[in-house]
Amino acid sequence: MIHTICICGAGTMGSGIAQTAAAGGFRTILFDVNIEVLQKGMTAIEKNLKNLTEKGRITQEEQQAILGRMILAENIKDCHADLIIEAIVEKQEAKLDLFRRLAPYNGDQTIFTSNTSSLSITALSEQLPHPERFAGLHFFNPAPIMRLVEVVRSPHTDDSTIQTLLDISKKMGKTPVLCKDAPGFIVNHVARPYYLEALRLVEEGVAGFDTIDDIMEASGFKMGPFRLMDLIGNDINYAVSCSVYEAMNKPSRLRPSPIQEKKVKDGELGRKTGKGYYTYLH
């Protein structure tokens, strides 16, 4: 049984997942080694819940109950849980180091998962002591709103682990989709052309960011590619493009964009930095 969930990484995704877990009725630990990031993540959760209360989507009592299920942790020794969800930087070694450091503080029934959007779940699992209790649990931004969750199994993940993750996702109010480990899983693989072709049009001088966004939104898309990349974060989106490109043996159609590469190098990551393809007021 899953009673306590620990989310490692209190950035936009991590704090969003923590809010979702606590709202699903789980005792929720939000961990980050950076106390400022941890406090910022908690502030974002409090603001989101306050907005939901003001809009009448949850009651004041529900708001307080959700907050009451949350625990902040800046010491990894406090990360003892039935389910670990990693949501840190999109670098394999950093993730592996975290899982190895978490292992001594958790029991032999703890399930470990990664919220990675592009790294190989199989490659990660093969360097961990219990690959049968490891899987991908990929949420989408903003996690409290987006209903889809990709449950990613490697060849080593056992059936009980997968079933538990499917059940937990549903208790969080999500719609889980089971998929095998593959470059970009399902959504990010399918979505690459949406971003990359839009970037290619800008590279070729066909149209600008806002024109392409307006056309796509007028065609029925909820968000144009550039507004969506700014929401996701250009660092994350670019990392996924690079990962899928490499894993697919570098087909020209999936070549990452130099425009987005420059955005990342310049720190213009989107909404979270105040500037991306557009400028935002914080």
C-alpha atoms as a PDB file:
ATOM      1  CA  MET A   1       0.000   0.000   0.000  1.00  0.00           C
ATOM      2  CA  ILE A   2       1.182   3.511  -0.817  1.00  0.00           C
ATOM      3  CA  HIS A   3       0.667   5.941   2.057  1.00  0.00           C
ATOM      4  CA  THR A   4       3.611   8.319   1.719  1.00  0.00           C
ATOM      5  CA  ILE A   5       4.986   9.782  -1.519  1.00  0.00           C
ATOM      6  CA  CYS A   6       8.252  11.700  -1.699  1.00  0.00           C
ATOM      7  CA  ILE A   7       8.875  14.064  -4.590  1.00  0.00           C
ATOM      8  CA  CYS A   8      12.535  14.949  -5.073  1.00  0.00           C
ATOM      9  CA  GLY A   9      12.985  18.343  -6.693  1.00  0.00           C
ATOM     10  CA  ALA A  10      10.829  21.341  -5.794  1.00  0.00           C
ATOM     11  CA  GLY A  11      10.914  23.149  -9.126  1.00  0.00           C
ATOM     12  CA  THR A  12       7.844  23.769 -11.260  1.00  0.00           C
ATOM     13  CA  MET A  13       7.252  20.077 -12.041  1.00  0.00           C
ATOM     14  CA  GLY A  14       8.183  18.750  -8.620  1.00  0.00           C
ATOM     15  CA  SER A  15       6.004  21.175  -6.687  1.00  0.00           C
ATOM     16  CA  GLY A  16       3.141  20.547  -9.116  1.00  0.00           C
ATOM     17  CA  ILE A  17       3.416  16.794  -8.621  1.00  0.00           C
ATOM     18  CA  ALA A  18       3.573  17.291  -4.839  1.00  0.00           C
ATOM     19  CA  GLN A  19       0.356  19.327  -4.915  1.00  0.00           C
ATOM     20  CA  THR A  20      -1.268  16.603  -6.999  1.00  0.00           C
ATOM     21  CA  ALA A  21      -0.160  13.852  -4.615  1.00  0.00           C
ATOM     22  CA  ALA A  22      -1.350  15.708  -1.521  1.00  0.00           C
ATOM     23  CA  ALA A  23      -4.671  16.510  -3.208  1.00  0.00           C
ATOM     24  CA  GLY A  24      -4.995  12.778  -3.926  1.00  0.00           C
ATOM     25  CA  GLY A  25      -4.948  12.079  -0.204  1.00  0.00           C
ATOM     26  CA  PHE A  26      -1.338  10.988   0.206  1.00  0.00           C
ATOM     27  CA  ARG A  27       1.102  12.093   2.879  1.00  0.00           C
ATOM     28  CA  THR A  28       3.528  14.030   0.701  1.00  0.00           C
ATOM     29  CA  ILE A  29       7.179  14.895   1.272  1.00  0.00           C
ATOM     30  CA  LEU A  30       8.630  17.593  -0.970  1.00  0.00           C
ATOM     31  CA  PHE A  31      12.438  17.447  -0.957  1.00  0.00           C
ATOM     32  CA  ASP A  32      15.057  19.793  -2.324  1.00  0.00           C
ATOM     33  CA  VAL A  33      18.612  20.524  -1.191  1.00  0.00           C
ATOM     34  CA  ASN A  34      18.099  24.195  -2.088  1.00  0.00           C
ATOM     35  CA  ILE A  35      16.001  25.750   0.663  1.00  0.00           C
ATOM     36  CA  GLU A  36      15.100  28.758  -1.527  1.00  0.00           C
ATOM     37  CA  VAL A  37      13.763  26.481  -4.272  1.00  0.00           C
ATOM     38  CA  LEU A  38      11.895  24.474  -1.635  1.00  0.00           C
ATOM     39  CA  GLN A  39      10.250  27.555  -0.179  1.00  0.00           C
ATOM     40  CA  LYS A  40       9.432  28.909  -3.647  1.00  0.00           C
ATOM     41  CA  GLY A  41       7.821  25.577  -4.547  1.00  0.00           C
ATOM     42  CA  MET A  42       5.705  25.626  -1.404  1.00  0.00           C
ATOM     43  CA  THR A  43       4.675  29.223  -2.050  1.00  0.00           C
ATOM     44  CA  ALA A  44       3.528  28.223  -5.541  1.00  0.00           C
ATOM     45  CA  ILE A  45       1.455  25.372  -4.095  1.00  0.00           C
ATOM     46  CA  GLU A  46      -0.165  27.673  -1.521  1.00  0.00           C
ATOM     47  CA  LYS A  47      -0.980  30.189  -4.253  1.00  0.00           C
ATOM     48  CA  ASN A  48      -2.476  27.520  -6.517  1.00  0.00           C
ATOM     49  CA  LEU A  49      -4.653  26.145  -3.722  1.00  0.00           C
ATOM     50  CA  LYS A  50      -5.781  29.633  -2.729  1.00  0.00           C
ATOM     51  CA  ASN A  51      -6.839  30.302  -6.333  1.00  0.00           C
ATOM     52  CA  LEU A  52      -8.773  27.019  -6.437  1.00  0.00           C
ATOM     53  CA  THR A  53     -10.534  27.940  -3.198  1.00  0.00           C
ATOM     54  CA  GLU A  54     -11.428  31.419  -4.436  1.00  0.00           C
ATOM     55  CA  LYS A  55     -12.853  29.907  -7.624  1.00  0.00           C
ATOM     56  CA  GLY A  56     -14.949  27.474  -5.590  1.00  0.00           C
ATOM     57  CA  ARG A  57     -13.244  24.366  -6.940  1.00  0.00           C
ATOM     58  CA  ILE A  58     -12.176  23.230  -3.487  1.00  0.00           C
ATOM     59  CA  THR A  59     -13.407  24.243  -0.047  1.00  0.00           C
ATOM     60  CA  GLN A  60     -11.375  26.036   2.595  1.00  0.00           C
ATOM     61  CA  GLU A  61     -11.355  22.783   4.569  1.00  0.00           C
ATOM     62  CA  GLU A  62      -9.995  20.852   1.578  1.00  0.00           C
ATOM     63  CA  GLN A  63      -7.307  23.480   1.053  1.00  0.00           C
ATOM     64  CA  GLN A  64      -6.144  23.137   4.652  1.00  0.00           C
ATOM     65  CA  ALA A  65      -6.309  19.333   4.490  1.00  0.00           C
ATOM     66  CA  ILE A  66      -4.080  19.273   1.408  1.00  0.00           C
ATOM     67  CA  LEU A  67      -1.544  21.586   3.022  1.00  0.00           C
ATOM     68  CA  GLY A  68      -1.719  19.494   6.191  1.00  0.00           C
ATOM     69  CA  ARG A  69      -0.579  16.424   4.273  1.00  0.00           C
ATOM     70  CA  MET A  70       2.556  18.170   3.023  1.00  0.00           C
ATOM     71  CA  ILE A  71       6.003  17.993   4.610  1.00  0.00           C
ATOM     72  CA  LEU A  72       9.040  19.959   3.434  1.00  0.00           C
ATOM     73  CA  ALA A  73      12.455  18.300   3.620  1.00  0.00           C
ATOM     74  CA  GLU A  74      15.940  19.600   2.868  1.00  0.00           C
ATOM     75  CA  ASN A  75      17.742  16.564   4.318  1.00  0.00           C
ATOM     76  CA  ILE A  76      17.774  13.410   2.212  1.00  0.00           C
ATOM     77  CA  LYS A  77      17.512  11.330   5.399  1.00  0.00           C
ATOM     78  CA  ASP A  78      13.922  12.548   5.689  1.00  0.00           C
ATOM     79  CA  CYS A  79      13.023  11.080   2.282  1.00  0.00           C
ATOM     80  CA  HIS A  80      11.521   7.846   3.603  1.00  0.00           C
ATOM     81  CA  ALA A  81       8.449   6.894   1.565  1.00  0.00           C
ATOM     82  CA  ASP A  82       6.496   4.119  -0.131  1.00  0.00           C
ATOM     83  CA  LEU A  83       6.900   5.829  -3.505  1.00  0.00           C
ATOM     84  CA  ILE A  84       9.722   8.102  -4.654  1.00  0.00           C
ATOM     85  CA  ILE A  85       9.144  10.411  -7.638  1.00  0.00           C
ATOM     86  CA  GLU A  86      12.332  12.018  -8.946  1.00  0.00           C
ATOM     87  CA  ALA A  87      11.841  15.387 -10.663  1.00  0.00           C
ATOM     88  CA  ILE A  88      15.309  16.927 -10.796  1.00  0.00           C
ATOM     89  CA  VAL A  89      17.584  18.098 -13.624  1.00  0.00           C
ATOM     90  CA  GLU A  90      17.379  16.083 -16.860  1.00  0.00           C
ATOM     91  CA  LYS A  91      20.819  14.474 -16.501  1.00  0.00           C
ATOM     92  CA  GLN A  92      21.275  10.732 -16.113  1.00  0.00           C
ATOM     93  CA  GLU A  93      24.187  10.837 -13.662  1.00  0.00           C
ATOM     94  CA  ALA A  94      22.416  13.319 -11.395  1.00  0.00           C
ATOM     95  CA  LYS A  95      19.341  11.100 -11.283  1.00  0.00           C
ATOM     96  CA  LEU A  96      21.367   7.954 -10.622  1.00  0.00           C
ATOM     97  CA  ASP A  97      23.296   9.668  -7.845  1.00  0.00           C
ATOM     98  CA  LEU A  98      20.032  10.718  -6.203  1.00  0.00           C
ATOM     99  CA  PHE A  99      18.530   7.219  -6.362  1.00  0.00           C
ATOM    100  CA  ARG A 100      21.676   5.675  -4.899  1.00  0.00           C
ATOM    101  CA  ARG A 101      21.675   8.178  -2.040  1.00  0.00           C
ATOM    102  CA  LEU A 102      17.978   7.538  -1.370  1.00  0.00           C
ATOM    103  CA  ALA A 103      18.294   3.746  -1.255  1.00  0.00           C
ATOM    104  CA  PRO A 104      19.733   3.416   2.312  1.00  0.00           C
ATOM    105  CA  TYR A 105      16.812   5.397   3.769  1.00  0.00           C
ATOM    106  CA  ASN A 106      14.060   3.345   2.150  1.00  0.00           C
ATOM    107  CA  GLY A 107      12.777  -0.200   2.549  1.00  0.00           C
ATOM    108  CA  ASP A 108      12.725  -3.145   0.197  1.00  0.00           C
ATOM    109  CA  GLN A 109       9.158  -2.345  -0.864  1.00  0.00           C
ATOM    110  CA  THR A 110       9.732   1.252  -1.912  1.00  0.00           C
ATOM    111  CA  ILE A 111       8.996   1.989  -5.567  1.00  0.00           C
ATOM    112  CA  PHE A 112      11.376   4.396  -7.299  1.00  0.00           C
ATOM    113  CA  THR A 113      10.227   6.393 -10.320  1.00  0.00           C
ATOM    114  CA  SER A 114      11.584   9.103 -12.585  1.00  0.00           C
ATOM    115  CA  ASN A 115       9.606  11.947 -14.074  1.00  0.00           C
ATOM    116  CA  THR A 116      12.136  12.126 -16.923  1.00  0.00           C
ATOM    117  CA  SER A 117      10.644  13.168 -20.227  1.00  0.00           C
ATOM    118  CA  SER A 118      13.354  11.705 -22.436  1.00  0.00           C
ATOM    119  CA  LEU A 119      16.018   9.611 -20.685  1.00  0.00           C
ATOM    120  CA  SER A 120      15.939   5.836 -21.027  1.00  0.00           C
ATOM    121  CA  ILE A 121      14.144   4.166 -18.130  1.00  0.00           C
ATOM    122  CA  THR A 122      15.896   0.911 -19.037  1.00  0.00           C
ATOM    123  CA  ALA A 123      19.357   2.500 -18.898  1.00  0.00           C
ATOM    124  CA  LEU A 124      18.572   4.052 -15.516  1.00  0.00           C
ATOM    125  CA  SER A 125      17.113   0.847 -14.066  1.00  0.00           C
ATOM    126  CA  GLU A 126      20.092  -1.277 -15.092  1.00  0.00           C
ATOM    127  CA  GLN A 127      22.352   0.787 -12.860  1.00  0.00           C
ATOM    128  CA  LEU A 128      20.121   0.522  -9.797  1.00  0.00           C
ATOM    129  CA  PRO A 129      19.977  -2.332  -7.249  1.00  0.00           C
ATOM    130  CA  HIS A 130      16.273  -3.205  -7.709  1.00  0.00           C
ATOM    131  CA  PRO A 131      15.265  -2.565 -11.339  1.00  0.00           C
ATOM    132  CA  GLU A 132      12.026  -4.493 -10.804  1.00  0.00           C
ATOM    133  CA  ARG A 133      10.831  -1.668  -8.526  1.00  0.00           C
ATOM    134  CA  PHE A 134      11.770   1.120 -10.910  1.00  0.00           C
ATOM    135  CA  ALA A 135       9.700   2.763 -13.657  1.00  0.00           C
ATOM    136  CA  GLY A 136       8.972   6.042 -15.368  1.00  0.00           C
ATOM    137  CA  LEU A 137       6.129   8.184 -14.042  1.00  0.00           C
ATOM    138  CA  HIS A 138       5.942  11.089 -16.456  1.00  0.00           C
ATOM    139  CA  PHE A 139       3.652  13.980 -15.554  1.00  0.00           C
ATOM    140  CA  PHE A 140       2.996  16.970 -17.802  1.00  0.00           C
ATOM    141  CA  ASN A 141       3.198  20.663 -16.976  1.00  0.00           C
ATOM    142  CA  PRO A 142       1.256  22.044 -15.167  1.00  0.00           C
ATOM    143  CA  ALA A 143       0.991  18.806 -13.217  1.00  0.00           C
ATOM    144  CA  PRO A 144      -2.096  19.714 -11.128  1.00  0.00           C
ATOM    145  CA  ILE A 145      -4.066  20.447 -14.322  1.00  0.00           C
ATOM    146  CA  MET A 146      -2.812  18.090 -17.020  1.00  0.00           C
ATOM    147  CA  ARG A 147      -4.600  14.753 -16.625  1.00  0.00           C
ATOM    148  CA  LEU A 148      -2.269  12.518 -18.603  1.00  0.00           C
ATOM    149  CA  VAL A 149       0.497  10.502 -16.929  1.00  0.00           C
ATOM    150  CA  GLU A 150       2.775   8.154 -18.835  1.00  0.00           C
ATOM    151  CA  VAL A 151       3.651   5.030 -16.833  1.00  0.00           C
ATOM    152  CA  VAL A 152       6.821   3.763 -18.483  1.00  0.00           C
ATOM    153  CA  ARG A 153       8.001   0.215 -17.945  1.00  0.00           C
ATOM    154  CA  SER A 154      11.418  -1.187 -18.706  1.00  0.00           C
ATOM    155  CA  PRO A 155      11.994  -4.887 -19.448  1.00  0.00           C
ATOM    156  CA  HIS A 156      12.928  -5.238 -15.768  1.00  0.00           C
ATOM    157  CA  THR A 157       9.877  -3.605 -14.174  1.00  0.00           C
ATOM    158  CA  ASP A 158       7.604  -6.175 -12.541  1.00  0.00           C
ATOM    159  CA  ASP A 159       3.838  -6.281 -12.976  1.00  0.00           C
ATOM    160  CA  SER A 160       3.031  -5.372  -9.356  1.00  0.00           C
ATOM    161  CA  THR A 161       5.049  -2.161  -9.641  1.00  0.00           C
ATOM    162  CA  ILE A 162       3.212  -1.159 -12.810  1.00  0.00           C
ATOM    163  CA  GLN A 163      -0.206  -1.937 -11.345  1.00  0.00           C
ATOM    164  CA  THR A 164       0.562   0.103  -8.248  1.00  0.00           C
ATOM    165  CA  LEU A 165       1.600   3.090 -10.351  1.00  0.00           C
ATOM    166  CA  LEU A 166      -1.523   2.836 -12.497  1.00  0.00           C
ATOM    167  CA  ASP A 167      -3.686   2.743  -9.360  1.00  0.00           C
ATOM    168  CA  ILE A 168      -1.847   5.626  -7.690  1.00  0.00           C
ATOM    169  CA  SER A 169      -2.155   7.776 -10.814  1.00  0.00           C
ATOM    170  CA  LYS A 170      -5.913   7.256 -10.829  1.00  0.00           C
ATOM    171  CA  LYS A 171      -6.154   8.172  -7.140  1.00  0.00           C
ATOM    172  CA  MET A 172      -4.415  11.432  -8.013  1.00  0.00           C
ATOM    173  CA  GLY A 173      -7.161  12.094 -10.540  1.00  0.00           C
ATOM    174  CA  LYS A 174      -4.968  11.334 -13.532  1.00  0.00           C
ATOM    175  CA  THR A 175      -5.457   9.272 -16.666  1.00  0.00           C
ATOM    176  CA  PRO A 176      -2.485   6.887 -16.807  1.00  0.00           C
ATOM    177  CA  VAL A 177      -1.235   5.455 -20.097  1.00  0.00           C
ATOM    178  CA  LEU A 178       1.086   2.461 -19.982  1.00  0.00           C
ATOM    179  CA  CYS A 179       3.928   2.518 -22.482  1.00  0.00           C
ATOM    180  CA  LYS A 180       7.164   0.688 -23.120  1.00  0.00           C
ATOM    181  CA  ASP A 181      10.473   2.461 -22.757  1.00  0.00           C
ATOM    182  CA  ALA A 182      11.234   4.187 -26.075  1.00  0.00           C
ATOM    183  CA  PRO A 183      12.808   7.513 -27.150  1.00  0.00           C
ATOM    184  CA  GLY A 184      10.477  10.265 -25.958  1.00  0.00           C
ATOM    185  CA  PHE A 185       7.978   7.611 -24.799  1.00  0.00           C
ATOM    186  CA  ILE A 186       4.670   8.411 -26.560  1.00  0.00           C
ATOM    187  CA  VAL A 187       3.785  12.077 -26.162  1.00  0.00           C
ATOM    188  CA  ASN A 188       7.217  13.633 -26.591  1.00  0.00           C
ATOM    189  CA  HIS A 189       7.950  11.460 -29.618  1.00  0.00           C
ATOM    190  CA  VAL A 190       4.692  12.434 -31.298  1.00  0.00           C
ATOM    191  CA  ALA A 191       5.104  16.120 -30.337  1.00  0.00           C
ATOM    192  CA  ARG A 192       8.609  16.633 -31.771  1.00  0.00           C
ATOM    193  CA  PRO A 193       7.396  17.690 -35.248  1.00  0.00           C
ATOM    194  CA  TYR A 194       5.027  20.238 -33.687  1.00  0.00           C
ATOM    195  CA  TYR A 195       7.941  22.080 -32.098  1.00  0.00           C
ATOM    196  CA  LEU A 196      10.701  21.387 -34.610  1.00  0.00           C
ATOM    197  CA  GLU A 197       8.753  22.242 -37.752  1.00  0.00           C
ATOM    198  CA  ALA A 198       7.604  25.497 -36.161  1.00  0.00           C
ATOM    199  CA  LEU A 199      11.202  26.348 -35.295  1.00  0.00           C
ATOM    200  CA  ARG A 200      12.267  25.419 -38.834  1.00  0.00           C
ATOM    201  CA  LEU A 201       9.741  27.886 -40.280  1.00  0.00           C
ATOM    202  CA  VAL A 202      11.273  30.655 -38.177  1.00  0.00           C
ATOM    203  CA  GLU A 203      14.797  29.609 -39.201  1.00  0.00           C
ATOM    204  CA  GLU A 204      13.763  29.887 -42.856  1.00  0.00           C
ATOM    205  CA  GLY A 205      12.136  33.287 -42.350  1.00  0.00           C
ATOM    206  CA  VAL A 206       8.669  32.062 -43.292  1.00  0.00           C
ATOM    207  CA  ALA A 207       6.931  33.509 -40.215  1.00  0.00           C
ATOM    208  CA  GLY A 208       7.564  34.766 -36.681  1.00  0.00           C
ATOM    209  CA  PHE A 209       6.816  33.193 -33.307  1.00  0.00           C
ATOM    210  CA  ASP A 210       3.526  34.997 -32.706  1.00  0.00           C
ATOM    211  CA  THR A 211       2.220  34.452 -36.243  1.00  0.00           C
ATOM    212  CA  ILE A 212       2.783  30.705 -36.058  1.00  0.00           C
ATOM    213  CA  ASP A 213       1.247  30.528 -32.582  1.00  0.00           C
ATOM    214  CA  ASP A 214      -1.809  32.521 -33.643  1.00  0.00           C
ATOM    215  CA  ILE A 215      -2.349  30.340 -36.711  1.00  0.00           C
ATOM    216  CA  MET A 216      -2.079  27.095 -34.741  1.00  0.00           C
ATOM    217  CA  GLU A 217      -4.403  28.333 -32.019  1.00  0.00           C
ATOM    218  CA  ALA A 218      -6.906  29.551 -34.622  1.00  0.00           C
ATOM    219  CA  SER A 219      -6.722  26.044 -36.108  1.00  0.00           C
ATOM    220  CA  GLY A 220      -7.875  24.492 -32.835  1.00  0.00           C
ATOM    221  CA  PHE A 221      -4.697  23.933 -30.807  1.00  0.00           C
ATOM    222  CA  LYS A 222      -5.004  25.158 -27.214  1.00  0.00           C
ATOM    223  CA  MET A 223      -1.483  26.604 -27.350  1.00  0.00           C
ATOM    224  CA  GLY A 224       0.832  27.418 -30.202  1.00  0.00           C
ATOM    225  CA  PRO A 225       4.249  25.710 -30.216  1.00  0.00           C
ATOM    226  CA  PHE A 226       6.229  28.717 -28.958  1.00  0.00           C
ATOM    227  CA  ARG A 227       3.863  29.586 -26.116  1.00  0.00           C
ATOM    228  CA  LEU A 228       3.863  25.921 -25.175  1.00  0.00           C
ATOM    229  CA  MET A 229       7.670  25.670 -25.231  1.00  0.00           C
ATOM    230  CA  ASP A 230       7.845  28.756 -23.015  1.00  0.00           C
ATOM    231  CA  LEU A 231       5.449  27.074 -20.585  1.00  0.00           C
ATOM    232  CA  ILE A 232       7.358  23.785 -20.566  1.00  0.00           C
ATOM    233  CA  GLY A 233      10.758  25.482 -20.413  1.00  0.00           C
ATOM    234  CA  ASN A 234      13.157  25.713 -23.328  1.00  0.00           C
ATOM    235  CA  ASP A 235      15.829  23.843 -21.372  1.00  0.00           C
ATOM    236  CA  ILE A 236      13.548  20.857 -20.861  1.00  0.00           C
ATOM    237  CA  ASN A 237      12.102  20.944 -24.366  1.00  0.00           C
ATOM    238  CA  TYR A 238      15.539  21.235 -25.977  1.00  0.00           C
ATOM    239  CA  ALA A 239      16.920  18.389 -23.839  1.00  0.00           C
ATOM    240  CA  VAL A 240      14.080  16.154 -25.008  1.00  0.00           C
ATOM    241  CA  SER A 241      14.707  17.054 -28.644  1.00  0.00           C
ATOM    242  CA  CYS A 242      18.418  16.253 -28.276  1.00  0.00           C
ATOM    243  CA  SER A 243      17.694  12.975 -26.509  1.00  0.00           C
ATOM    244  CA  VAL A 244      15.174  11.783 -29.107  1.00  0.00           C
ATOM    245  CA  TYR A 245      17.464  12.916 -31.948  1.00  0.00           C
ATOM    246  CA  GLU A 246      20.397  10.900 -30.569  1.00  0.00           C
ATOM    247  CA  ALA A 247      18.296   7.847 -29.727  1.00  0.00           C
ATOM    248  CA  MET A 248      16.788   7.773 -33.230  1.00  0.00           C
ATOM    249  CA  ASN A 249      20.247   7.866 -34.911  1.00  0.00           C
ATOM    250  CA  LYS A 250      20.096  11.565 -35.819  1.00  0.00           C
ATOM    251  CA  PRO A 251      17.463  11.777 -38.578  1.00  0.00           C
ATOM    252  CA  SER A 252      17.447  15.212 -40.222  1.00  0.00           C
ATOM    253  CA  ARG A 253      13.722  15.639 -39.538  1.00  0.00           C
ATOM    254  CA  LEU A 254      14.413  15.555 -35.779  1.00  0.00           C
ATOM    255  CA  ARG A 255      17.464  17.819 -35.742  1.00  0.00           C
ATOM    256  CA  PRO A 256      17.304  20.143 -32.708  1.00  0.00           C
ATOM    257  CA  SER A 257      16.933  23.809 -33.557  1.00  0.00           C
ATOM    258  CA  PRO A 258      19.836  26.262 -33.206  1.00  0.00           C
ATOM    259  CA  ILE A 259      17.265  28.920 -32.277  1.00  0.00           C
ATOM    260  CA  GLN A 260      16.219  26.946 -29.232  1.00  0.00           C
ATOM    261  CA  GLU A 261      19.817  26.029 -28.425  1.00  0.00           C
ATOM    262  CA  LYS A 262      20.680  29.743 -28.264  1.00  0.00           C
ATOM    263  CA  LYS A 263      17.661  30.439 -26.068  1.00  0.00           C
ATOM    264  CA  VAL A 264      18.934  27.835 -23.601  1.00  0.00           C
ATOM    265  CA  LYS A 265      22.510  29.174 -23.662  1.00  0.00           C
ATOM    266  CA  ASP A 266      21.205  32.718 -23.078  1.00  0.00           C
ATOM    267  CA  GLY A 267      19.056  31.580 -20.148  1.00  0.00           C
ATOM    268  CA  GLU A 268      15.852  32.538 -21.954  1.00  0.00           C
ATOM    269  CA  LEU A 269      13.953  29.480 -20.780  1.00  0.00           C
ATOM    270  CA  GLY A 270      10.421  30.822 -20.918  1.00  0.00           C
ATOM    271  CA  ARG A 271       7.924  31.704 -18.225  1.00  0.00           C
ATOM    272  CA  LYS A 272      10.129  30.529 -15.356  1.00  0.00           C
ATOM    273  CA  THR A 273      12.885  33.025 -16.253  1.00  0.00           C
ATOM    274  CA  GLY A 274      10.627  35.807 -17.497  1.00  0.00           C
ATOM    275  CA  LYS A 275      11.775  35.550 -21.082  1.00  0.00           C
ATOM    276  CA  GLY A 276      11.755  32.955 -23.842  1.00  0.00           C
ATOM    277  CA  TYR A 277      10.151  33.453 -27.222  1.00  0.00           C
ATOM    278  CA  TYR A 278       8.069  36.068 -25.401  1.00  0.00           C
ATOM    279  CA  THR A 279       8.682  38.339 -22.413  1.00  0.00           C
ATOM    280  CA  TYR A 280       6.737  37.732 -19.197  1.00  0.00           C
ATOM    281  CA  LEU A 281       6.158  39.883 -16.131  1.00  0.00           C
ATOM    282  CA  HIS A 282       6.876  38.060 -12.876  1.00  0.00           C
END
